[in-house]
């Protein structure tokens, strides 16, 4: 049984509303900043798995709308990023890239080491490393055929997808607790909360939301999507396969920093209207992603995968807590970045953004985090991960031949 795109979208709205209701009723979920889509999305996918185990019925969803919402969300981030914010994030961006590359190597070493301890092929551990976790479902699907055809891992695709799926769940649950430990333990506050002038200026910009401000916001979001599509196709023709959402992010950043200087427009998208569209897009996207997980397809692989992912979870948690937080400055922005790092290191960029959004909604804004994290996890990770995976494949293959 499959729900078509229109029905899926409306079901996701109901599921998201359920998550909001549950988070309001259950204090534990609020205290640990569990995103509302995660609360109800996981609940629904577990219920669907129980239904399948009882009577064999498979319920699936058409997710065409989901990918469009992802583009809207990243376009909204770009439209909210002025050049001063980007320049201010320069060094943190480089530091986070370096930290992520180091973590990438550690993640693969952990996966390979756990696979050897469990008596599995070391390449299975590599599939349970940055191939599926930092890389996400897209990288997992792209690399799995290579493992199957060139290295004899016949079920490489199933293993990679299973790791990416379980990793997505763990990533959704990790970010909030990391941020809570750091913010409360270090008594951190957002910069705006400590700067009365900034707070006053921000408050004056809280414009009224009308149908026209929303239409204006949607127009510039759509322009960003169109320009991002053109950039994506141009890069593809040049041999570069940059993800479409990253192209959309760059397009929106370009527009918001050029158009107001060329035309008599103060800002392209009014902040409150942009925030509403952004929150809707991310909330529905993540709800759709989680409620559509088919847990029964990976049940047979659960044991070894859970053991590998448990080790990866501990590694990620400790690395974010003791390394990322320190090198990113040890302030409130760093704590929010850690929440995003936990989301992207085991899951995907949207999970990182949802984790950071949940923290920011509770404790206050962190503008630099929302620029730096998606640039690293959505762009630089894809480039560096391909190099690291290739090196590990060669090294592991040589060791197996020598053995």
Protein backbone atom coordinates (compact mmCIF):
# COMPACT_ATOMS: atom_id res chain seq x y z
CA UNK A 1 0.00 0.00 0.00
CA UNK A 2 1.51 3.32 -1.09
CA UNK A 3 0.31 6.84 -0.35
CA UNK A 4 0.76 9.28 -3.22
CA UNK A 5 2.60 12.58 -2.88
CA UNK A 6 -0.43 14.72 -1.94
CA UNK A 7 -1.61 12.27 0.72
CA UNK A 8 1.95 11.84 2.05
CA UNK A 9 2.31 15.60 2.49
CA UNK A 10 -0.91 15.89 4.47
CA UNK A 11 -0.16 12.82 6.58
CA UNK A 12 3.21 14.39 7.42
CA UNK A 13 1.42 17.54 8.64
CA UNK A 14 -0.69 15.44 11.02
CA UNK A 15 2.36 13.46 12.19
CA UNK A 16 4.32 16.67 12.80
CA UNK A 17 1.40 18.08 14.82
CA UNK A 18 1.45 14.87 16.86
CA UNK A 19 5.16 15.42 17.56
CA UNK A 20 4.48 18.95 18.75
CA UNK A 21 1.72 17.71 21.07
CA UNK A 22 3.93 14.92 22.48
CA UNK A 23 6.85 17.29 23.09
CA UNK A 24 4.54 19.64 24.99
CA UNK A 25 3.19 16.80 27.14
CA UNK A 26 6.43 14.91 27.82
CA UNK A 27 9.02 17.01 29.65
CA UNK A 28 11.88 14.61 28.88
CA UNK A 29 11.56 15.36 25.15
CA UNK A 30 11.69 19.10 25.79
CA UNK A 31 14.59 18.94 28.23
CA UNK A 32 16.80 17.05 25.78
CA UNK A 33 15.76 19.15 22.77
CA UNK A 34 14.44 16.21 20.75
CA UNK A 35 13.07 17.74 17.51
CA UNK A 36 9.29 17.45 17.12
CA UNK A 37 9.54 15.63 13.73
CA UNK A 38 11.83 13.03 15.33
CA UNK A 39 9.40 12.33 18.18
CA UNK A 40 6.42 11.50 15.98
CA UNK A 41 8.31 10.37 12.87
CA UNK A 42 10.05 7.56 14.76
CA UNK A 43 6.81 6.64 16.52
CA UNK A 44 5.01 6.23 13.19
CA UNK A 45 7.78 4.19 11.56
CA UNK A 46 7.85 1.86 14.60
CA UNK A 47 4.06 1.44 14.41
CA UNK A 48 4.30 0.64 10.68
CA UNK A 49 7.01 -1.93 11.42
CA UNK A 50 4.72 -3.56 14.02
CA UNK A 51 1.87 -3.68 11.49
CA UNK A 52 4.19 -5.34 8.98
CA UNK A 53 5.35 -7.92 11.53
CA UNK A 54 1.74 -8.79 12.43
CA UNK A 55 0.09 -9.11 9.02
CA UNK A 56 2.85 -8.54 6.45
CA UNK A 57 1.35 -5.29 5.14
CA UNK A 58 3.89 -2.86 3.65
CA UNK A 59 2.92 0.81 3.87
CA UNK A 60 5.08 3.20 1.86
CA UNK A 61 5.00 6.87 0.88
CA UNK A 62 5.72 8.84 -2.29
CA UNK A 63 8.43 11.29 -1.19
CA UNK A 64 8.60 13.58 -4.23
CA UNK A 65 7.47 16.61 -2.20
CA UNK A 66 10.10 15.93 0.46
CA UNK A 67 13.07 16.72 -1.77
CA UNK A 68 11.47 19.99 -2.88
CA UNK A 69 11.06 21.04 0.76
CA UNK A 70 14.75 20.37 1.38
CA UNK A 71 15.64 22.85 -1.37
CA UNK A 72 13.29 25.44 0.14
CA UNK A 73 14.97 25.04 3.51
CA UNK A 74 18.50 25.55 2.21
CA UNK A 75 17.40 28.45 0.03
CA UNK A 76 15.99 30.06 3.18
CA UNK A 77 19.34 29.62 4.96
CA UNK A 78 21.10 31.28 2.03
CA UNK A 79 18.70 34.22 1.85
CA UNK A 80 19.34 34.85 5.55
CA UNK A 81 23.14 34.93 5.12
CA UNK A 82 24.66 38.34 4.51
CA UNK A 83 28.30 38.62 3.49
CA UNK A 84 29.39 39.93 6.91
CA UNK A 85 28.09 36.77 8.56
CA UNK A 86 29.91 34.60 6.03
CA UNK A 87 33.20 36.45 6.51
CA UNK A 88 32.85 36.20 10.27
CA UNK A 89 32.54 32.43 9.87
CA UNK A 90 35.74 32.12 7.82
CA UNK A 91 38.14 30.66 10.39
CA UNK A 92 35.49 28.52 12.11
CA UNK A 93 34.65 27.08 8.69
CA UNK A 94 38.26 26.03 8.07
CA UNK A 95 38.62 24.65 11.61
CA UNK A 96 35.42 22.61 11.32
CA UNK A 97 36.52 21.22 7.95
CA UNK A 98 39.84 20.07 9.45
CA UNK A 99 38.09 18.57 12.49
CA UNK A 100 35.62 16.73 10.25
CA UNK A 101 38.40 15.21 8.13
CA UNK A 102 40.16 13.96 11.28
CA UNK A 103 36.87 12.54 12.54
CA UNK A 104 36.26 10.91 9.15
CA UNK A 105 39.46 8.89 9.52
CA UNK A 106 38.58 7.94 13.12
CA UNK A 107 35.09 6.89 12.05
CA UNK A 108 36.47 4.52 9.43
CA UNK A 109 39.10 3.12 11.80
CA UNK A 110 36.33 2.46 14.34
CA UNK A 111 34.14 0.74 11.76
CA UNK A 112 36.95 -1.46 10.45
CA UNK A 113 38.12 -2.29 13.98
CA UNK A 114 34.62 -3.30 15.11
CA UNK A 115 34.15 -5.44 12.00
CA UNK A 116 37.38 -7.32 12.73
CA UNK A 117 36.32 -7.85 16.37
CA UNK A 118 32.96 -9.23 15.19
CA UNK A 119 34.65 -11.57 12.72
CA UNK A 120 33.34 -9.70 9.68
CA UNK A 121 35.09 -8.55 6.53
CA UNK A 122 36.88 -5.25 7.33
CA UNK A 123 35.16 -3.72 4.31
CA UNK A 124 31.82 -4.23 6.08
CA UNK A 125 33.19 -1.96 8.79
CA UNK A 126 34.13 0.60 6.17
CA UNK A 127 30.52 0.50 4.95
CA UNK A 128 29.58 1.20 8.57
CA UNK A 129 31.95 4.17 8.63
CA UNK A 130 32.02 7.37 6.63
CA UNK A 131 30.52 5.67 3.55
CA UNK A 132 27.08 5.53 5.15
CA UNK A 133 27.30 7.75 8.25
CA UNK A 134 29.06 10.98 7.31
CA UNK A 135 28.13 10.30 3.70
CA UNK A 136 24.48 9.47 4.27
CA UNK A 137 22.15 7.49 2.03
CA UNK A 138 23.35 9.17 -1.18
CA UNK A 139 27.02 8.30 -0.66
CA UNK A 140 26.08 4.82 0.60
CA UNK A 141 24.09 4.06 -2.55
CA UNK A 142 26.80 5.53 -4.78
CA UNK A 143 29.67 3.49 -3.27
CA UNK A 144 27.90 0.18 -2.55
CA UNK A 145 28.21 -1.20 -6.12
CA UNK A 146 31.99 -0.70 -5.95
CA UNK A 147 32.16 -2.80 -2.76
CA UNK A 148 29.98 -5.48 -4.36
CA UNK A 149 31.62 -5.69 -7.79
CA UNK A 150 35.28 -4.98 -7.03
CA UNK A 151 35.57 -6.38 -3.51
CA UNK A 152 33.01 -9.20 -3.33
CA UNK A 153 30.66 -7.81 -0.65
CA UNK A 154 27.46 -9.12 -2.25
CA UNK A 155 25.06 -7.45 0.18
CA UNK A 156 26.98 -4.16 0.30
CA UNK A 157 23.95 -2.09 -0.67
CA UNK A 158 21.75 -3.56 2.08
CA UNK A 159 24.49 -3.08 4.69
CA UNK A 160 25.19 0.50 3.63
CA UNK A 161 21.52 1.49 3.58
CA UNK A 162 20.92 -0.19 6.94
CA UNK A 163 23.83 1.69 8.53
CA UNK A 164 22.69 4.98 7.02
CA UNK A 165 19.14 4.38 8.25
CA UNK A 166 20.03 3.43 11.82
CA UNK A 167 22.60 6.24 11.83
CA UNK A 168 19.88 8.72 10.89
CA UNK A 169 17.85 7.65 13.92
CA UNK A 170 20.82 7.92 16.30
CA UNK A 171 21.83 11.28 14.84
CA UNK A 172 18.33 12.64 15.45
CA UNK A 173 18.59 11.70 19.12
CA UNK A 174 22.17 12.83 19.73
CA UNK A 175 22.33 16.55 18.97
CA UNK A 176 19.97 17.86 21.63
CA UNK A 177 21.59 16.08 24.60
CA UNK A 178 25.08 17.17 23.50
CA UNK A 179 24.01 20.80 23.35
CA UNK A 180 22.16 20.57 26.66
CA UNK A 181 25.22 19.17 28.46
CA UNK A 182 27.43 21.94 27.09
CA UNK A 183 25.02 24.87 27.47
CA UNK A 184 23.93 24.04 31.02
CA UNK A 185 27.30 22.73 32.17
CA UNK A 186 29.22 25.75 30.87
CA UNK A 187 26.37 28.24 31.52
CA UNK A 188 26.50 29.46 27.93
CA UNK A 189 24.33 32.20 26.43
CA UNK A 190 23.76 33.27 22.81
CA UNK A 191 25.57 36.43 21.76
CA UNK A 192 22.30 38.29 21.18
CA UNK A 193 21.15 37.60 24.71
CA UNK A 194 24.36 39.17 26.05
CA UNK A 195 24.28 42.19 23.71
CA UNK A 196 21.42 44.59 24.51
CA UNK A 197 22.04 46.69 21.39
CA UNK A 198 21.89 43.64 19.15
CA UNK A 199 18.71 42.47 20.85
CA UNK A 200 17.12 45.89 20.47
CA UNK A 201 18.03 46.08 16.80
CA UNK A 202 16.77 42.55 16.17
CA UNK A 203 13.48 43.34 17.85
CA UNK A 204 12.91 46.35 15.61
CA UNK A 205 13.18 44.12 12.57
CA UNK A 206 10.28 41.89 13.61
CA UNK A 207 7.96 42.88 10.78
CA UNK A 208 4.32 41.97 10.50
CA UNK A 209 3.69 38.76 8.59
CA UNK A 210 1.11 39.26 5.83
CA UNK A 211 0.09 37.33 2.76
CA UNK A 212 2.29 39.67 0.70
CA UNK A 213 5.43 39.19 2.82
CA UNK A 214 4.93 35.44 2.44
CA UNK A 215 4.44 35.77 -1.33
CA UNK A 216 7.59 37.88 -1.56
CA UNK A 217 9.49 35.27 0.43
CA UNK A 218 8.22 32.43 -1.77
CA UNK A 219 9.16 34.37 -4.91
CA UNK A 220 12.80 34.82 -3.90
CA UNK A 221 12.99 31.24 -2.66
CA UNK A 222 11.80 30.09 -6.08
CA UNK A 223 14.33 32.35 -7.82
CA UNK A 224 17.03 30.76 -5.64
CA UNK A 225 15.85 27.28 -6.61
CA UNK A 226 15.92 28.18 -10.30
CA UNK A 227 19.40 29.69 -10.10
CA UNK A 228 20.58 26.72 -8.04
CA UNK A 229 19.30 24.33 -10.70
CA UNK A 230 21.21 26.24 -13.40
CA UNK A 231 24.38 26.13 -11.29
CA UNK A 232 23.90 22.41 -10.64
CA UNK A 233 23.54 21.63 -14.35
CA UNK A 234 26.55 23.78 -15.24
CA UNK A 235 28.73 22.04 -12.67
CA UNK A 236 27.48 18.63 -13.79
CA UNK A 237 28.44 19.47 -17.38
CA UNK A 238 31.89 20.44 -16.09
CA UNK A 239 32.27 17.06 -14.37
CA UNK A 240 31.45 18.15 -10.80
CA UNK A 241 28.52 16.47 -9.05
CA UNK A 242 27.78 18.99 -6.29
CA UNK A 243 24.48 18.21 -4.49
CA UNK A 244 21.55 20.31 -5.70
CA UNK A 245 20.77 21.63 -2.22
CA UNK A 246 24.32 23.01 -1.90
CA UNK A 247 23.97 24.74 -5.28
CA UNK A 248 20.67 26.21 -4.07
CA UNK A 249 22.35 27.42 -0.87
CA UNK A 250 25.11 29.16 -2.85
CA UNK A 251 22.57 30.68 -5.25
CA UNK A 252 20.54 32.13 -2.38
CA UNK A 253 23.67 33.54 -0.70
CA UNK A 254 24.64 35.17 -3.99
CA UNK A 255 21.19 36.70 -4.47
CA UNK A 256 20.83 38.09 -0.96
CA UNK A 257 24.24 39.78 -1.15
CA UNK A 258 23.90 41.26 -4.67
CA UNK A 259 20.27 42.13 -5.45
CA UNK A 260 19.80 44.61 -2.54
CA UNK A 261 22.92 46.44 -3.76
CA UNK A 262 21.59 46.66 -7.32
CA UNK A 263 17.91 47.31 -6.65
CA UNK A 264 16.13 49.50 -4.08
CA UNK A 265 15.30 46.51 -1.86
CA UNK A 266 16.34 46.46 1.82
CA UNK A 267 16.18 42.67 2.04
CA UNK A 268 14.84 40.01 -0.31
CA UNK A 269 12.83 38.01 2.20
CA UNK A 270 11.41 39.52 5.43
CA UNK A 271 12.99 37.62 8.37
CA UNK A 272 9.82 36.42 10.11
CA UNK A 273 8.18 35.24 6.89
CA UNK A 274 11.41 33.50 5.90
CA UNK A 275 11.61 31.80 9.30
CA UNK A 276 8.03 30.49 8.96
CA UNK A 277 8.66 28.96 5.52
CA UNK A 278 12.01 27.56 6.70
CA UNK A 279 10.51 25.90 9.80
CA UNK A 280 7.65 24.39 7.80
CA UNK A 281 10.01 23.03 5.14
CA UNK A 282 12.46 21.43 7.58
CA UNK A 283 9.72 20.07 9.86
CA UNK A 284 7.78 18.36 7.07
CA UNK A 285 10.98 17.14 5.38
CA UNK A 286 12.30 15.39 8.47
CA UNK A 287 8.86 14.03 9.39
CA UNK A 288 8.52 12.45 5.93
CA UNK A 289 12.05 11.02 6.09
CA UNK A 290 11.55 9.30 9.45
CA UNK A 291 7.95 8.10 9.09
CA UNK A 292 8.85 6.45 5.76
CA UNK A 293 11.69 4.32 7.18
CA UNK A 294 10.97 0.64 6.53
CA UNK A 295 12.62 -0.95 9.55
CA UNK A 296 11.63 -4.49 8.53
CA UNK A 297 13.94 -4.36 5.48
CA UNK A 298 17.04 -4.23 7.70
CA UNK A 299 15.95 -6.47 10.59
CA UNK A 300 18.21 -9.38 9.59
CA UNK A 301 21.28 -7.12 9.69
CA UNK A 302 20.39 -5.50 12.99
CA UNK A 303 22.85 -7.29 15.33
CA UNK A 304 26.26 -6.53 13.78
CA UNK A 305 25.13 -3.15 12.53
CA UNK A 306 23.91 -2.06 15.97
CA UNK A 307 27.22 -3.12 17.51
CA UNK A 308 29.19 -1.07 14.98
CA UNK A 309 26.84 1.90 15.32
CA UNK A 310 27.00 1.77 19.13
CA UNK A 311 30.77 2.25 18.89
CA UNK A 312 30.29 5.02 16.33
CA UNK A 313 27.74 6.73 18.57
CA UNK A 314 30.17 6.80 21.51
CA UNK A 315 33.00 8.05 19.28
CA UNK A 316 30.85 10.85 17.83
CA UNK A 317 29.49 11.92 21.21
CA UNK A 318 32.96 12.13 22.78
CA UNK A 319 34.54 13.81 19.75
CA UNK A 320 31.85 16.50 19.67
CA UNK A 321 32.01 17.03 23.42
CA UNK A 322 35.78 17.19 23.88
CA UNK A 323 37.19 18.16 20.48
CA UNK A 324 34.68 20.05 18.33
CA UNK A 325 33.42 22.21 21.22
CA UNK A 326 36.96 23.24 22.19
CA UNK A 327 38.32 23.97 18.70
CA UNK A 328 35.19 25.90 17.69
CA UNK A 329 35.67 28.38 20.52
CA UNK A 330 33.94 26.87 23.56
CA UNK A 331 31.03 29.34 23.38
CA UNK A 332 27.28 29.07 22.74
CA UNK A 333 27.78 28.96 18.96
CA UNK A 334 30.21 26.07 19.45
CA UNK A 335 27.62 24.16 21.49
CA UNK A 336 25.04 24.55 18.71
CA UNK A 337 27.65 23.49 16.14
CA UNK A 338 28.24 20.35 18.25
CA UNK A 339 24.52 19.55 18.00
CA UNK A 340 24.79 19.88 14.23
CA UNK A 341 28.02 17.88 14.14
CA UNK A 342 26.29 15.01 15.95
CA UNK A 343 23.48 15.12 13.39
CA UNK A 344 25.67 15.18 10.30
CA UNK A 345 28.33 12.72 11.53
CA UNK A 346 25.85 9.87 11.95
CA UNK A 347 22.97 11.07 9.80
CA UNK A 348 22.66 13.78 7.18
CA UNK A 349 22.72 17.55 6.75
CA UNK A 350 18.95 17.97 7.31
CA UNK A 351 19.27 16.05 10.59
CA UNK A 352 22.05 18.39 11.65
CA UNK A 353 19.89 21.39 10.83
CA UNK A 354 16.92 19.96 12.73
CA UNK A 355 19.11 19.34 15.79
CA UNK A 356 20.43 22.89 15.70
CA UNK A 357 16.96 24.33 15.11
CA UNK A 358 15.62 22.53 18.19
CA UNK A 359 18.48 23.94 20.29
CA UNK A 360 18.16 27.46 18.87
CA UNK A 361 14.41 27.53 19.46
CA UNK A 362 14.97 26.68 23.12
CA UNK A 363 18.10 28.67 23.99
CA UNK A 364 18.49 31.37 21.34
CA UNK A 365 19.91 32.08 17.86
CA UNK A 366 23.29 30.91 16.57
CA UNK A 367 23.68 32.45 13.12
CA UNK A 368 27.26 31.33 12.44
CA UNK A 369 26.38 27.71 13.20
CA UNK A 370 23.63 27.70 10.58
CA UNK A 371 26.08 28.87 7.91
CA UNK A 372 29.18 26.84 8.81
CA UNK A 373 27.59 23.43 9.45
CA UNK A 374 25.64 23.03 6.17
CA UNK A 375 28.64 24.24 4.13
CA UNK A 376 30.86 21.62 5.76
CA UNK A 377 28.40 18.71 5.85
CA UNK A 378 26.77 19.44 2.50
CA UNK A 379 29.80 20.40 0.43
CA UNK A 380 33.27 19.78 1.86
CA UNK A 381 32.35 16.40 3.35
CA UNK A 382 31.43 15.00 -0.08
CA UNK A 383 34.81 15.99 -1.51
CA UNK A 384 37.02 14.86 1.37
CA UNK A 385 34.98 11.71 2.03
CA UNK A 386 35.56 10.44 -1.50
CA UNK A 387 39.33 10.78 -1.02
CA UNK A 388 39.31 9.13 2.43
CA UNK A 389 37.10 6.22 1.32
CA UNK A 390 39.36 5.59 -1.67
CA UNK A 391 42.46 5.51 0.55
CA UNK A 392 40.83 3.13 3.03
CA UNK A 393 39.67 0.83 0.22
CA UNK A 394 43.20 0.58 -1.12
CA UNK A 395 44.70 0.07 2.33
CA UNK A 396 42.18 -2.57 3.39
CA UNK A 397 42.50 -4.46 0.10
CA UNK A 398 46.31 -4.53 0.39
CA UNK A 399 46.11 -5.87 3.94
CA UNK A 400 43.69 -8.61 2.87
CA UNK A 401 45.96 -9.62 -0.03
CA UNK A 402 49.00 -9.65 2.26
CA UNK A 403 47.09 -11.80 4.74
